[in-house]
Every structure is written in C-alpha cells, then in structure tokens.
Amino acid sequence: MKMSDDVRREIIQNMADFCKSVRKIDPEEALSFIVADKYLASQADYYAAAFARNGIDPCSSRILEVGSGYGFFLCQARSVLGWNIWGIEPGEEEFSGRSDIASRILRLNGVEPGRLVRSTGESLSFKTGSFDAVISNDVLEHVADPEAVVRESARVLRTGGVLVFNVPNYRWIYEGHYNTPWIPAMSKLLARRYVSLLGRDPAYVDTLNFLSPGALKETLRRVPELRLVHPLEEGCADFLALRIGAYLDAADSRGRAGLSLRVFRALHWLSSRSAFKSALGAFASLTGVYHEMHLTGIKR
C-alpha cells in the first residue's frame, strides 16, 4: 500500500482525537493495524468465501463497498486483487475528511478516483439493480439508520445478487472502538457510565448502534427482498482468529511488547485450535454471544 508522508500525517491528525479520548491508543499504532496486510487479507478472505458460496466472481462482477473509510481495502481489492469494485464514503461529521484522503490514496495506488463516490449508505447514488454484490466491514454500527442502509444496499443489488456485511455484535465481551472489555447487551445509559469510569469519552457511545443478532434479524424482516442464506454466527470462530492474528502482526511491525501482547498471543493460540473453534461455534449458536455478525443475504 503506497502512502506518502503527508497523507500519513493527515490520517494521523484525523484520527488523533478519537484515539486519545475513545480508544486510548497511539494513532500510529491504530493506523498500523488497519493497513496491515493480515487485516486487509482477513477482509478479502471473508468476502471471497461468501462470493464463492454464492457464485460471484469479484473480478468480473460489479461490487460496491459501503463505507470505504480511508480507502485502504478499496485500494487493496482493486489494485492487488483485481476486483471490479466501487466504494462510498460520506466524508462529513464524524467521517469528515476521509473521502478526500481516500481519493488521494487511490491515486497513489493507481486506482481511478472515480471508483470512490461521496455518498451516505442511507441514500446511495446508484441505479436500482446496478451491482452484483454489496459489501461492508464494521460500518453498520456507525450509520444514522441501519435499516435504511440495508434497504438501499438491497435496492442497488440485482436479483440474485449478494450482500455481505460484517457487523460488531454488542452481545460480545469486548468493544473494539473503546478497545476495552465489555458487558454484553449493556444499555447506552450503563455504557456511558462504564466508559466514563475507564477514563474514556462517553459521548462517543451515542454515535454507535448497539446491534445484536436479534436486532439484525428484525431489520431483515423489514427488508423482505433480502433472504438470509447463512446463520449470522457463520464462521465467527475462524474470523476471530484472523482478526487477533492481524492485530498481532501490526503490533509486531511496531516492535510492541508487554503483558497485553502476551495475553493476545495466548488468545490467538487458543482461538486457532479446532476444539476451541467447535466449542465457540456451538456456544455462539446457542447464546448469540460471539465477536462479529456475518450477514449474508441474497436479493430475491
């Protein structure tokens, strides 16, 4: 991934307030994770597996990424993997400046800037039925109206097209934005008090949608043109191991050490064991408590 020094500095500045008040992490470290090869590969592997199961060739089919952020995955998918992909990013309010930075990163990596469109997920500026697949990674918890985003994503899909969304599960024991252990199914009132005790900004809680398997299934019931084709917990155990591995890869690239890294290495070893994966898969199916929800739907 090509990134000029001035673009890197601009991203660091853009992330600084969030990293200081919410995530409590060095912005350089946060950036090293989201550009890590293993992190981008974990996204690509997740989407590619869903495409393969549903007859989508990402190099010839038209794909839309909802919420491209700084454009790292869009660049990876287009310039390295050869996917026929477009992306959207609003570039306003919480996401101010991102679409402009993403356009510069696309140019640096030889990707046509027109592949990124400034738009919200609630009002996509594309024709009905114009894509074979719509993908999204950790975006639905940030949007103003999750149901509208799912409905619009279904609208721009052709009949038989596939929607592949990865969504944080707020019944899990860890919250990624605050980078802290979590009490599953907390109310927002309790969550604000909890993060305040941890010295983190409680106002960020109000920007998040606390999504759960029940909430996502209810959304799908109100978008009948989408048919859920796999359980939301499908592949959750494999995905957990991939994400921890990506985090460790980024930490190693910065020479990090310490107790927290030893804990994550132990978790990675454990999450890679077949017995653990089987147990976590069964537990997830029974309880709805697992790391990320994998929403795969087909347009009727």
C-alpha atoms as a PDB file:
ATOM      1  CA  MET A   1       0.000   0.000   0.000  1.00  0.00           C
ATOM      2  CA  LYS A   2       1.575   3.257  -1.148  1.00  0.00           C
ATOM      3  CA  MET A   3       1.109   6.185   1.217  1.00  0.00           C
ATOM      4  CA  SER A   4       3.017   9.468   1.067  1.00  0.00           C
ATOM      5  CA  ASP A   5       4.376  11.022   4.254  1.00  0.00           C
ATOM      6  CA  ASP A   6       1.977  13.957   4.034  1.00  0.00           C
ATOM      7  CA  VAL A   7      -1.040  11.663   3.621  1.00  0.00           C
ATOM      8  CA  ARG A   8       0.119   9.564   6.574  1.00  0.00           C
ATOM      9  CA  ARG A   9       0.458  12.687   8.725  1.00  0.00           C
ATOM     10  CA  GLU A  10      -3.009  13.840   7.683  1.00  0.00           C
ATOM     11  CA  ILE A  11      -4.541  10.482   8.623  1.00  0.00           C
ATOM     12  CA  ILE A  12      -2.759  10.526  11.998  1.00  0.00           C
ATOM     13  CA  GLN A  13      -4.111  14.019  12.647  1.00  0.00           C
ATOM     14  CA  ASN A  14      -7.595  12.945  11.539  1.00  0.00           C
ATOM     15  CA  MET A  15      -7.524  10.003  13.973  1.00  0.00           C
ATOM     16  CA  ALA A  16      -5.854  11.805  16.873  1.00  0.00           C
ATOM     17  CA  ASP A  17      -8.899  12.934  18.891  1.00  0.00           C
ATOM     18  CA  PHE A  18     -10.634   9.565  18.598  1.00  0.00           C
ATOM     19  CA  CYS A  19      -7.505   7.654  19.596  1.00  0.00           C
ATOM     20  CA  LYS A  20      -6.860   9.943  22.573  1.00  0.00           C
ATOM     21  CA  SER A  21     -10.358  10.193  24.053  1.00  0.00           C
ATOM     22  CA  VAL A  22     -12.049   6.941  22.996  1.00  0.00           C
ATOM     23  CA  ARG A  23      -9.618   4.190  22.068  1.00  0.00           C
ATOM     24  CA  LYS A  24      -6.706   5.257  24.307  1.00  0.00           C
ATOM     25  CA  ILE A  25      -4.101   4.222  21.794  1.00  0.00           C
ATOM     26  CA  ASP A  26      -1.329   5.881  19.779  1.00  0.00           C
ATOM     27  CA  PRO A  27      -2.756   6.926  16.360  1.00  0.00           C
ATOM     28  CA  GLU A  28       0.342   5.445  14.680  1.00  0.00           C
ATOM     29  CA  GLU A  29      -0.491   2.094  16.241  1.00  0.00           C
ATOM     30  CA  ALA A  30      -4.140   2.324  15.183  1.00  0.00           C
ATOM     31  CA  LEU A  31      -3.085   3.100  11.607  1.00  0.00           C
ATOM     32  CA  SER A  32      -0.596   0.239  11.539  1.00  0.00           C
ATOM     33  CA  PHE A  33      -3.473  -2.167  12.268  1.00  0.00           C
ATOM     34  CA  ILE A  34      -5.910  -1.008   9.575  1.00  0.00           C
ATOM     35  CA  VAL A  35      -3.211  -1.046   6.873  1.00  0.00           C
ATOM     36  CA  ALA A  36      -1.670  -4.366   7.990  1.00  0.00           C
ATOM     37  CA  ASP A  37      -1.533  -6.997   5.256  1.00  0.00           C
ATOM     38  CA  LYS A  38      -3.147  -9.602   7.512  1.00  0.00           C
ATOM     39  CA  TYR A  39      -6.027  -7.273   8.393  1.00  0.00           C
ATOM     40  CA  LEU A  40      -6.778  -6.459   4.753  1.00  0.00           C
ATOM     41  CA  ALA A  41      -6.361 -10.130   3.847  1.00  0.00           C
ATOM     42  CA  SER A  42      -8.836 -11.149   6.566  1.00  0.00           C
ATOM     43  CA  GLN A  43     -11.437  -8.858   4.985  1.00  0.00           C
ATOM     44  CA  ALA A  44     -10.734 -10.162   1.490  1.00  0.00           C
ATOM     45  CA  ASP A  45     -10.880 -13.801   2.628  1.00  0.00           C
ATOM     46  CA  TYR A  46     -14.222 -13.201   4.369  1.00  0.00           C
ATOM     47  CA  TYR A  47     -15.787 -11.620   1.279  1.00  0.00           C
ATOM     48  CA  ALA A  48     -14.202 -14.085  -1.154  1.00  0.00           C
ATOM     49  CA  ALA A  49     -15.581 -17.074   0.780  1.00  0.00           C
ATOM     50  CA  ALA A  50     -19.088 -15.594   0.660  1.00  0.00           C
ATOM     51  CA  PHE A  51     -18.719 -14.821  -3.059  1.00  0.00           C
ATOM     52  CA  ALA A  52     -17.554 -18.377  -3.808  1.00  0.00           C
ATOM     53  CA  ARG A  53     -20.532 -19.879  -1.974  1.00  0.00           C
ATOM     54  CA  ASN A  54     -22.915 -17.713  -3.971  1.00  0.00           C
ATOM     55  CA  GLY A  55     -21.428 -17.783  -7.467  1.00  0.00           C
ATOM     56  CA  ILE A  56     -19.902 -14.275  -7.556  1.00  0.00           C
ATOM     57  CA  ASP A  57     -16.630 -13.648  -9.437  1.00  0.00           C
ATOM     58  CA  PRO A  58     -15.248 -10.446  -7.857  1.00  0.00           C
ATOM     59  CA  CYS A  59     -13.030  -9.698 -10.860  1.00  0.00           C
ATOM     60  CA  SER A  60     -15.889  -9.613 -13.387  1.00  0.00           C
ATOM     61  CA  SER A  61     -18.898  -8.834 -11.177  1.00  0.00           C
ATOM     62  CA  ARG A  62     -19.724  -5.275 -10.069  1.00  0.00           C
ATOM     63  CA  ILE A  63     -19.068  -4.830  -6.329  1.00  0.00           C
ATOM     64  CA  LEU A  64     -19.936  -1.895  -4.068  1.00  0.00           C
ATOM     65  CA  GLU A  65     -18.221  -1.293  -0.717  1.00  0.00           C
ATOM     66  CA  VAL A  66     -20.416   0.677   1.698  1.00  0.00           C
ATOM     67  CA  GLY A  67     -18.164   2.733   3.978  1.00  0.00           C
ATOM     68  CA  SER A  68     -14.688   2.770   2.437  1.00  0.00           C
ATOM     69  CA  GLY A  69     -13.109   4.911   5.162  1.00  0.00           C
ATOM     70  CA  TYR A  70      -9.609   5.926   4.097  1.00  0.00           C
ATOM     71  CA  GLY A  71      -9.879   3.640   1.067  1.00  0.00           C
ATOM     72  CA  PHE A  72      -7.355   1.006   2.159  1.00  0.00           C
ATOM     73  CA  PHE A  73      -9.465  -2.032   1.330  1.00  0.00           C
ATOM     74  CA  LEU A  74     -10.805  -0.431  -1.847  1.00  0.00           C
ATOM     75  CA  CYS A  75      -7.187   0.044  -2.994  1.00  0.00           C
ATOM     76  CA  GLN A  76      -6.211  -3.494  -2.000  1.00  0.00           C
ATOM     77  CA  ALA A  77      -9.210  -5.060  -3.725  1.00  0.00           C
ATOM     78  CA  ARG A  78      -8.805  -3.044  -6.934  1.00  0.00           C
ATOM     79  CA  SER A  79      -5.040  -2.721  -7.402  1.00  0.00           C
ATOM     80  CA  VAL A  80      -3.832  -6.009  -5.863  1.00  0.00           C
ATOM     81  CA  LEU A  81      -6.740  -8.435  -6.217  1.00  0.00           C
ATOM     82  CA  GLY A  82      -8.152  -7.011  -9.435  1.00  0.00           C
ATOM     83  CA  TRP A  83     -11.732  -6.779  -8.162  1.00  0.00           C
ATOM     84  CA  ASN A  84     -14.246  -4.720 -10.134  1.00  0.00           C
ATOM     85  CA  ILE A  85     -15.132  -2.613  -7.114  1.00  0.00           C
ATOM     86  CA  TRP A  86     -16.525   0.835  -6.240  1.00  0.00           C
ATOM     87  CA  GLY A  87     -16.869   2.418  -2.794  1.00  0.00           C
ATOM     88  CA  ILE A  88     -18.809   5.127  -0.970  1.00  0.00           C
ATOM     89  CA  GLU A  89     -17.815   7.347   1.954  1.00  0.00           C
ATOM     90  CA  PRO A  90     -19.804  10.319   3.281  1.00  0.00           C
ATOM     91  CA  GLY A  91     -16.859  12.493   4.298  1.00  0.00           C
ATOM     92  CA  GLU A  92     -18.915  14.568   6.754  1.00  0.00           C
ATOM     93  CA  GLU A  93     -19.384  14.969  10.535  1.00  0.00           C
ATOM     94  CA  GLU A  94     -17.723  12.014  12.306  1.00  0.00           C
ATOM     95  CA  PHE A  95     -16.147  10.988   8.984  1.00  0.00           C
ATOM     96  CA  SER A  96     -15.046  14.459   7.921  1.00  0.00           C
ATOM     97  CA  GLY A  97     -12.038  14.485   5.616  1.00  0.00           C
ATOM     98  CA  ARG A  98     -11.913  10.761   4.991  1.00  0.00           C
ATOM     99  CA  SER A  99     -13.240  10.744   1.425  1.00  0.00           C
ATOM    100  CA  ASP A 100     -10.709  13.414   0.363  1.00  0.00           C
ATOM    101  CA  ILE A 101      -7.856  11.454   1.936  1.00  0.00           C
ATOM    102  CA  ALA A 102      -9.150   8.236   0.370  1.00  0.00           C
ATOM    103  CA  SER A 103      -9.186   9.836  -3.103  1.00  0.00           C
ATOM    104  CA  ARG A 104      -5.518  10.761  -2.696  1.00  0.00           C
ATOM    105  CA  ILE A 105      -4.641   7.228  -1.568  1.00  0.00           C
ATOM    106  CA  LEU A 106      -6.452   5.794  -4.597  1.00  0.00           C
ATOM    107  CA  ARG A 107      -4.374   7.981  -6.932  1.00  0.00           C
ATOM    108  CA  LEU A 108      -1.139   6.996  -5.187  1.00  0.00           C
ATOM    109  CA  ASN A 109      -2.003   3.327  -5.770  1.00  0.00           C
ATOM    110  CA  GLY A 110      -3.060   3.686  -9.384  1.00  0.00           C
ATOM    111  CA  VAL A 111      -6.798   3.346  -8.742  1.00  0.00           C
ATOM    112  CA  GLU A 112      -9.235   5.630 -10.570  1.00  0.00           C
ATOM    113  CA  PRO A 113     -10.532   8.233  -8.061  1.00  0.00           C
ATOM    114  CA  GLY A 114     -13.984   7.879  -9.656  1.00  0.00           C
ATOM    115  CA  ARG A 115     -14.194   4.453  -8.020  1.00  0.00           C
ATOM    116  CA  LEU A 116     -14.942   6.277  -4.744  1.00  0.00           C
ATOM    117  CA  VAL A 117     -18.220   8.212  -4.557  1.00  0.00           C
ATOM    118  CA  ARG A 118     -19.137  10.661  -1.789  1.00  0.00           C
ATOM    119  CA  SER A 119     -22.475   9.336  -0.540  1.00  0.00           C
ATOM    120  CA  THR A 120     -24.248   8.024   2.551  1.00  0.00           C
ATOM    121  CA  GLY A 121     -25.407   4.447   2.848  1.00  0.00           C
ATOM    122  CA  GLU A 122     -28.948   5.637   3.518  1.00  0.00           C
ATOM    123  CA  SER A 123     -29.175   7.290   0.075  1.00  0.00           C
ATOM    124  CA  LEU A 124     -26.957   5.537  -2.458  1.00  0.00           C
ATOM    125  CA  SER A 125     -26.403   7.431  -5.693  1.00  0.00           C
ATOM    126  CA  PHE A 126     -26.595   4.356  -7.931  1.00  0.00           C
ATOM    127  CA  LYS A 127     -29.299   2.868 -10.131  1.00  0.00           C
ATOM    128  CA  THR A 128     -31.518   0.062  -8.873  1.00  0.00           C
ATOM    129  CA  GLY A 129     -30.046  -3.365  -9.629  1.00  0.00           C
ATOM    130  CA  SER A 130     -26.661  -1.996 -10.723  1.00  0.00           C
ATOM    131  CA  PHE A 131     -24.399  -4.249  -8.585  1.00  0.00           C
ATOM    132  CA  ASP A 132     -23.807  -7.980  -8.230  1.00  0.00           C
ATOM    133  CA  ALA A 133     -22.542  -7.678  -4.652  1.00  0.00           C
ATOM    134  CA  VAL A 134     -22.571  -5.098  -1.839  1.00  0.00           C
ATOM    135  CA  ILE A 135     -20.025  -5.446   0.972  1.00  0.00           C
ATOM    136  CA  SER A 136     -19.339  -3.616   4.230  1.00  0.00           C
ATOM    137  CA  ASN A 137     -16.939  -4.034   7.135  1.00  0.00           C
ATOM    138  CA  ASP A 138     -17.704  -2.643  10.608  1.00  0.00           C
ATOM    139  CA  VAL A 139     -19.847   0.210   9.255  1.00  0.00           C
ATOM    140  CA  LEU A 140     -23.477  -0.529  10.142  1.00  0.00           C
ATOM    141  CA  GLU A 141     -22.896   0.364  13.805  1.00  0.00           C
ATOM    142  CA  HIS A 142     -21.932   3.918  12.742  1.00  0.00           C
ATOM    143  CA  VAL A 143     -24.726   4.889  10.345  1.00  0.00           C
ATOM    144  CA  ALA A 144     -27.722   7.089  11.161  1.00  0.00           C
ATOM    145  CA  ASP A 145     -30.270   4.435  10.095  1.00  0.00           C
ATOM    146  CA  PRO A 146     -29.075   0.812   9.792  1.00  0.00           C
ATOM    147  CA  GLU A 147     -32.359  -0.374   8.271  1.00  0.00           C
ATOM    148  CA  ALA A 148     -32.204   2.308   5.559  1.00  0.00           C
ATOM    149  CA  VAL A 149     -28.620   1.280   4.706  1.00  0.00           C
ATOM    150  CA  VAL A 150     -29.615  -2.382   4.391  1.00  0.00           C
ATOM    151  CA  ARG A 151     -32.675  -1.420   2.316  1.00  0.00           C
ATOM    152  CA  GLU A 152     -30.658   0.820  -0.019  1.00  0.00           C
ATOM    153  CA  SER A 153     -27.975  -1.858  -0.366  1.00  0.00           C
ATOM    154  CA  ALA A 154     -30.676  -4.339  -1.370  1.00  0.00           C
ATOM    155  CA  ARG A 155     -32.104  -1.838  -3.851  1.00  0.00           C
ATOM    156  CA  VAL A 156     -28.852  -1.451  -5.796  1.00  0.00           C
ATOM    157  CA  LEU A 157     -28.368  -5.231  -5.951  1.00  0.00           C
ATOM    158  CA  ARG A 158     -29.567  -7.159  -8.987  1.00  0.00           C
ATOM    159  CA  THR A 159     -31.936 -10.061  -8.405  1.00  0.00           C
ATOM    160  CA  GLY A 160     -29.767 -12.929  -7.166  1.00  0.00           C
ATOM    161  CA  GLY A 161     -27.034 -10.518  -6.048  1.00  0.00           C
ATOM    162  CA  VAL A 162     -25.345 -10.999  -2.679  1.00  0.00           C
ATOM    163  CA  LEU A 163     -24.992  -8.669   0.316  1.00  0.00           C
ATOM    164  CA  VAL A 164     -22.039  -9.434   2.627  1.00  0.00           C
ATOM    165  CA  PHE A 165     -21.825  -7.302   5.779  1.00  0.00           C
ATOM    166  CA  ASN A 166     -19.534  -7.763   8.768  1.00  0.00           C
ATOM    167  CA  VAL A 167     -21.074  -6.162  11.883  1.00  0.00           C
ATOM    168  CA  PRO A 168     -19.888  -5.947  15.529  1.00  0.00           C
ATOM    169  CA  ASN A 169     -22.073  -7.894  17.948  1.00  0.00           C
ATOM    170  CA  TYR A 170     -22.902  -5.940  21.114  1.00  0.00           C
ATOM    171  CA  ARG A 171     -23.581  -9.169  22.952  1.00  0.00           C
ATOM    172  CA  TRP A 172     -19.812  -9.825  22.920  1.00  0.00           C
ATOM    173  CA  ILE A 173     -17.333  -9.314  25.787  1.00  0.00           C
ATOM    174  CA  TYR A 174     -15.112  -6.751  24.042  1.00  0.00           C
ATOM    175  CA  GLU A 175     -15.862  -3.409  22.375  1.00  0.00           C
ATOM    176  CA  GLY A 176     -13.462  -2.561  19.557  1.00  0.00           C
ATOM    177  CA  HIS A 177     -13.958   1.206  19.318  1.00  0.00           C
ATOM    178  CA  TYR A 178     -13.282   1.738  23.021  1.00  0.00           C
ATOM    179  CA  ASN A 179     -10.700  -1.075  22.971  1.00  0.00           C
ATOM    180  CA  THR A 180     -11.937  -2.427  26.273  1.00  0.00           C
ATOM    181  CA  PRO A 181     -13.699  -5.410  27.854  1.00  0.00           C
ATOM    182  CA  TRP A 182     -17.468  -5.079  27.577  1.00  0.00           C
ATOM    183  CA  ILE A 183     -20.600  -6.125  29.447  1.00  0.00           C
ATOM    184  CA  PRO A 184     -22.784  -7.868  26.847  1.00  0.00           C
ATOM    185  CA  ALA A 185     -26.135  -6.223  25.996  1.00  0.00           C
ATOM    186  CA  MET A 186     -25.437  -3.061  28.035  1.00  0.00           C
ATOM    187  CA  SER A 187     -27.877  -0.190  27.674  1.00  0.00           C
ATOM    188  CA  LYS A 188     -26.438   3.086  26.413  1.00  0.00           C
ATOM    189  CA  LEU A 189     -27.021   4.693  29.818  1.00  0.00           C
ATOM    190  CA  LEU A 190     -24.972   1.999  31.531  1.00  0.00           C
ATOM    191  CA  ALA A 191     -22.374   2.066  28.741  1.00  0.00           C
ATOM    192  CA  ARG A 192     -21.801   5.798  29.171  1.00  0.00           C
ATOM    193  CA  ARG A 193     -21.227   5.341  32.895  1.00  0.00           C
ATOM    194  CA  TYR A 194     -18.985   2.349  32.303  1.00  0.00           C
ATOM    195  CA  VAL A 195     -16.649   4.049  29.798  1.00  0.00           C
ATOM    196  CA  SER A 196     -16.529   7.176  31.969  1.00  0.00           C
ATOM    197  CA  LEU A 197     -15.164   5.071  34.813  1.00  0.00           C
ATOM    198  CA  LEU A 198     -12.482   3.857  32.388  1.00  0.00           C
ATOM    199  CA  GLY A 199     -11.499   7.445  31.579  1.00  0.00           C
ATOM    200  CA  ARG A 200     -12.944   7.374  28.068  1.00  0.00           C
ATOM    201  CA  ASP A 201     -15.261   9.842  26.361  1.00  0.00           C
ATOM    202  CA  PRO A 202     -18.894   8.751  26.998  1.00  0.00           C
ATOM    203  CA  ALA A 203     -20.267  10.953  24.186  1.00  0.00           C
ATOM    204  CA  TYR A 204     -18.970   8.504  21.564  1.00  0.00           C
ATOM    205  CA  VAL A 205     -21.449   5.911  22.847  1.00  0.00           C
ATOM    206  CA  ASP A 206     -24.253   7.991  21.330  1.00  0.00           C
ATOM    207  CA  THR A 207     -22.716   7.689  17.850  1.00  0.00           C
ATOM    208  CA  LEU A 208     -22.917   3.886  17.931  1.00  0.00           C
ATOM    209  CA  ASN A 209     -25.749   1.492  17.136  1.00  0.00           C
ATOM    210  CA  PHE A 210     -25.631  -1.345  19.672  1.00  0.00           C
ATOM    211  CA  LEU A 211     -26.510  -4.084  17.187  1.00  0.00           C
ATOM    212  CA  SER A 212     -27.231  -7.678  18.165  1.00  0.00           C
ATOM    213  CA  PRO A 213     -28.371 -10.833  16.342  1.00  0.00           C
ATOM    214  CA  GLY A 214     -31.984 -10.141  17.331  1.00  0.00           C
ATOM    215  CA  ALA A 215     -31.845  -6.530  16.103  1.00  0.00           C
ATOM    216  CA  LEU A 216     -30.255  -7.529  12.804  1.00  0.00           C
ATOM    217  CA  LYS A 217     -32.818 -10.275  12.185  1.00  0.00           C
ATOM    218  CA  GLU A 218     -35.615  -7.801  12.907  1.00  0.00           C
ATOM    219  CA  THR A 219     -34.105  -5.427  10.342  1.00  0.00           C
ATOM    220  CA  LEU A 220     -34.074  -8.225   7.773  1.00  0.00           C
ATOM    221  CA  ARG A 221     -37.732  -8.972   8.469  1.00  0.00           C
ATOM    222  CA  ARG A 222     -38.478  -5.393   7.426  1.00  0.00           C
ATOM    223  CA  VAL A 223     -36.416  -5.771   4.238  1.00  0.00           C
ATOM    224  CA  PRO A 224     -38.164  -8.820   2.726  1.00  0.00           C
ATOM    225  CA  GLU A 225     -36.338  -8.557  -0.603  1.00  0.00           C
ATOM    226  CA  LEU A 226     -33.227  -9.895   1.179  1.00  0.00           C
ATOM    227  CA  ARG A 227     -33.098 -13.571   2.107  1.00  0.00           C
ATOM    228  CA  LEU A 228     -30.624 -14.547   4.843  1.00  0.00           C
ATOM    229  CA  VAL A 229     -28.656 -17.520   3.493  1.00  0.00           C
ATOM    230  CA  HIS A 230     -26.287 -18.302   6.369  1.00  0.00           C
ATOM    231  CA  PRO A 231     -26.579 -18.018  10.170  1.00  0.00           C
ATOM    232  CA  LEU A 232     -25.214 -14.720  11.476  1.00  0.00           C
ATOM    233  CA  GLU A 233     -22.631 -16.641  13.521  1.00  0.00           C
ATOM    234  CA  GLU A 234     -21.326 -18.441  10.396  1.00  0.00           C
ATOM    235  CA  GLY A 235     -17.510 -18.567  10.526  1.00  0.00           C
ATOM    236  CA  CYS A 236     -17.280 -16.484  13.714  1.00  0.00           C
ATOM    237  CA  ALA A 237     -14.600 -18.719  15.250  1.00  0.00           C
ATOM    238  CA  ASP A 238     -12.337 -18.610  12.187  1.00  0.00           C
ATOM    239  CA  PHE A 239     -12.814 -14.857  11.861  1.00  0.00           C
ATOM    240  CA  LEU A 240     -11.855 -14.241  15.498  1.00  0.00           C
ATOM    241  CA  ALA A 241      -8.525 -15.999  14.960  1.00  0.00           C
ATOM    242  CA  LEU A 242      -7.895 -13.994  11.771  1.00  0.00           C
ATOM    243  CA  ARG A 243      -8.551 -10.662  13.482  1.00  0.00           C
ATOM    244  CA  ILE A 244      -6.350 -11.436  16.501  1.00  0.00           C
ATOM    245  CA  GLY A 245      -3.620 -12.538  14.103  1.00  0.00           C
ATOM    246  CA  ALA A 246      -3.926  -9.258  12.204  1.00  0.00           C
ATOM    247  CA  TYR A 247      -3.657  -7.277  15.453  1.00  0.00           C
ATOM    248  CA  LEU A 248      -0.522  -9.180  16.459  1.00  0.00           C
ATOM    249  CA  ASP A 249       1.007  -8.688  13.010  1.00  0.00           C
ATOM    250  CA  ALA A 250       0.511  -4.913  13.311  1.00  0.00           C
ATOM    251  CA  ALA A 251       1.919  -4.906  16.866  1.00  0.00           C
ATOM    252  CA  ASP A 252       4.989  -6.859  15.743  1.00  0.00           C
ATOM    253  CA  SER A 253       5.601  -4.397  12.911  1.00  0.00           C
ATOM    254  CA  ARG A 254       5.919  -1.645  15.549  1.00  0.00           C
ATOM    255  CA  GLY A 255       8.049  -3.725  17.926  1.00  0.00           C
ATOM    256  CA  ARG A 256       5.454  -3.676  20.687  1.00  0.00           C
ATOM    257  CA  ALA A 257       5.817  -5.837  23.807  1.00  0.00           C
ATOM    258  CA  GLY A 258       4.218  -6.210  27.214  1.00  0.00           C
ATOM    259  CA  LEU A 259       1.568  -8.099  29.142  1.00  0.00           C
ATOM    260  CA  SER A 260      -1.336  -7.247  26.829  1.00  0.00           C
ATOM    261  CA  LEU A 261       0.552  -8.661  23.842  1.00  0.00           C
ATOM    262  CA  ARG A 262       1.276 -11.874  25.745  1.00  0.00           C
ATOM    263  CA  VAL A 263      -2.443 -12.166  26.519  1.00  0.00           C
ATOM    264  CA  PHE A 264      -3.340 -11.660  22.859  1.00  0.00           C
ATOM    265  CA  ARG A 265      -0.755 -14.243  21.785  1.00  0.00           C
ATOM    266  CA  ALA A 266      -2.302 -16.745  24.170  1.00  0.00           C
ATOM    267  CA  LEU A 267      -5.781 -15.908  22.829  1.00  0.00           C
ATOM    268  CA  HIS A 268      -4.529 -16.345  19.275  1.00  0.00           C
ATOM    269  CA  TRP A 269      -3.095 -19.756  20.070  1.00  0.00           C
ATOM    270  CA  LEU A 270      -6.346 -20.767  21.757  1.00  0.00           C
ATOM    271  CA  SER A 271      -8.606 -19.371  19.019  1.00  0.00           C
ATOM    272  CA  SER A 272      -6.643 -21.304  16.379  1.00  0.00           C
ATOM    273  CA  ARG A 273      -7.333 -24.688  17.994  1.00  0.00           C
ATOM    274  CA  SER A 274     -10.036 -26.779  16.294  1.00  0.00           C
ATOM    275  CA  ALA A 275     -11.585 -27.795  19.625  1.00  0.00           C
ATOM    276  CA  PHE A 276     -11.950 -24.144  20.642  1.00  0.00           C
ATOM    277  CA  LYS A 277     -13.479 -23.239  17.277  1.00  0.00           C
ATOM    278  CA  SER A 278     -16.036 -26.037  17.595  1.00  0.00           C
ATOM    279  CA  ALA A 279     -16.907 -25.029  21.147  1.00  0.00           C
ATOM    280  CA  LEU A 280     -17.189 -21.320  20.267  1.00  0.00           C
ATOM    281  CA  GLY A 281     -19.349 -22.110  17.247  1.00  0.00           C
ATOM    282  CA  ALA A 282     -21.740 -24.170  19.342  1.00  0.00           C
ATOM    283  CA  PHE A 283     -21.800 -21.544  22.109  1.00  0.00           C
ATOM    284  CA  ALA A 284     -22.492 -18.792  19.565  1.00  0.00           C
ATOM    285  CA  SER A 285     -25.420 -20.700  18.068  1.00  0.00           C
ATOM    286  CA  LEU A 286     -26.974 -21.301  21.479  1.00  0.00           C
ATOM    287  CA  THR A 287     -26.433 -17.912  23.094  1.00  0.00           C
ATOM    288  CA  GLY A 288     -25.883 -15.279  20.386  1.00  0.00           C
ATOM    289  CA  VAL A 289     -22.669 -14.268  22.164  1.00  0.00           C
ATOM    290  CA  TYR A 290     -19.832 -14.017  19.639  1.00  0.00           C
ATOM    291  CA  HIS A 291     -17.428 -11.480  18.172  1.00  0.00           C
ATOM    292  CA  GLU A 292     -18.836 -10.371  14.786  1.00  0.00           C
ATOM    293  CA  MET A 293     -22.099 -10.982  12.951  1.00  0.00           C
ATOM    294  CA  HIS A 294     -21.723 -12.145   9.365  1.00  0.00           C
ATOM    295  CA  LEU A 295     -24.748 -11.004   7.394  1.00  0.00           C
ATOM    296  CA  THR A 296     -25.014 -12.744   4.025  1.00  0.00           C
ATOM    297  CA  GLY A 297     -28.216 -12.098   2.104  1.00  0.00           C
ATOM    298  CA  ILE A 298     -29.432 -12.807  -1.424  1.00  0.00           C
ATOM    299  CA  LYS A 299     -31.667 -10.370  -3.322  1.00  0.00           C
ATOM    300  CA  ARG A 300     -34.987 -12.064  -4.139  1.00  0.00           C
END
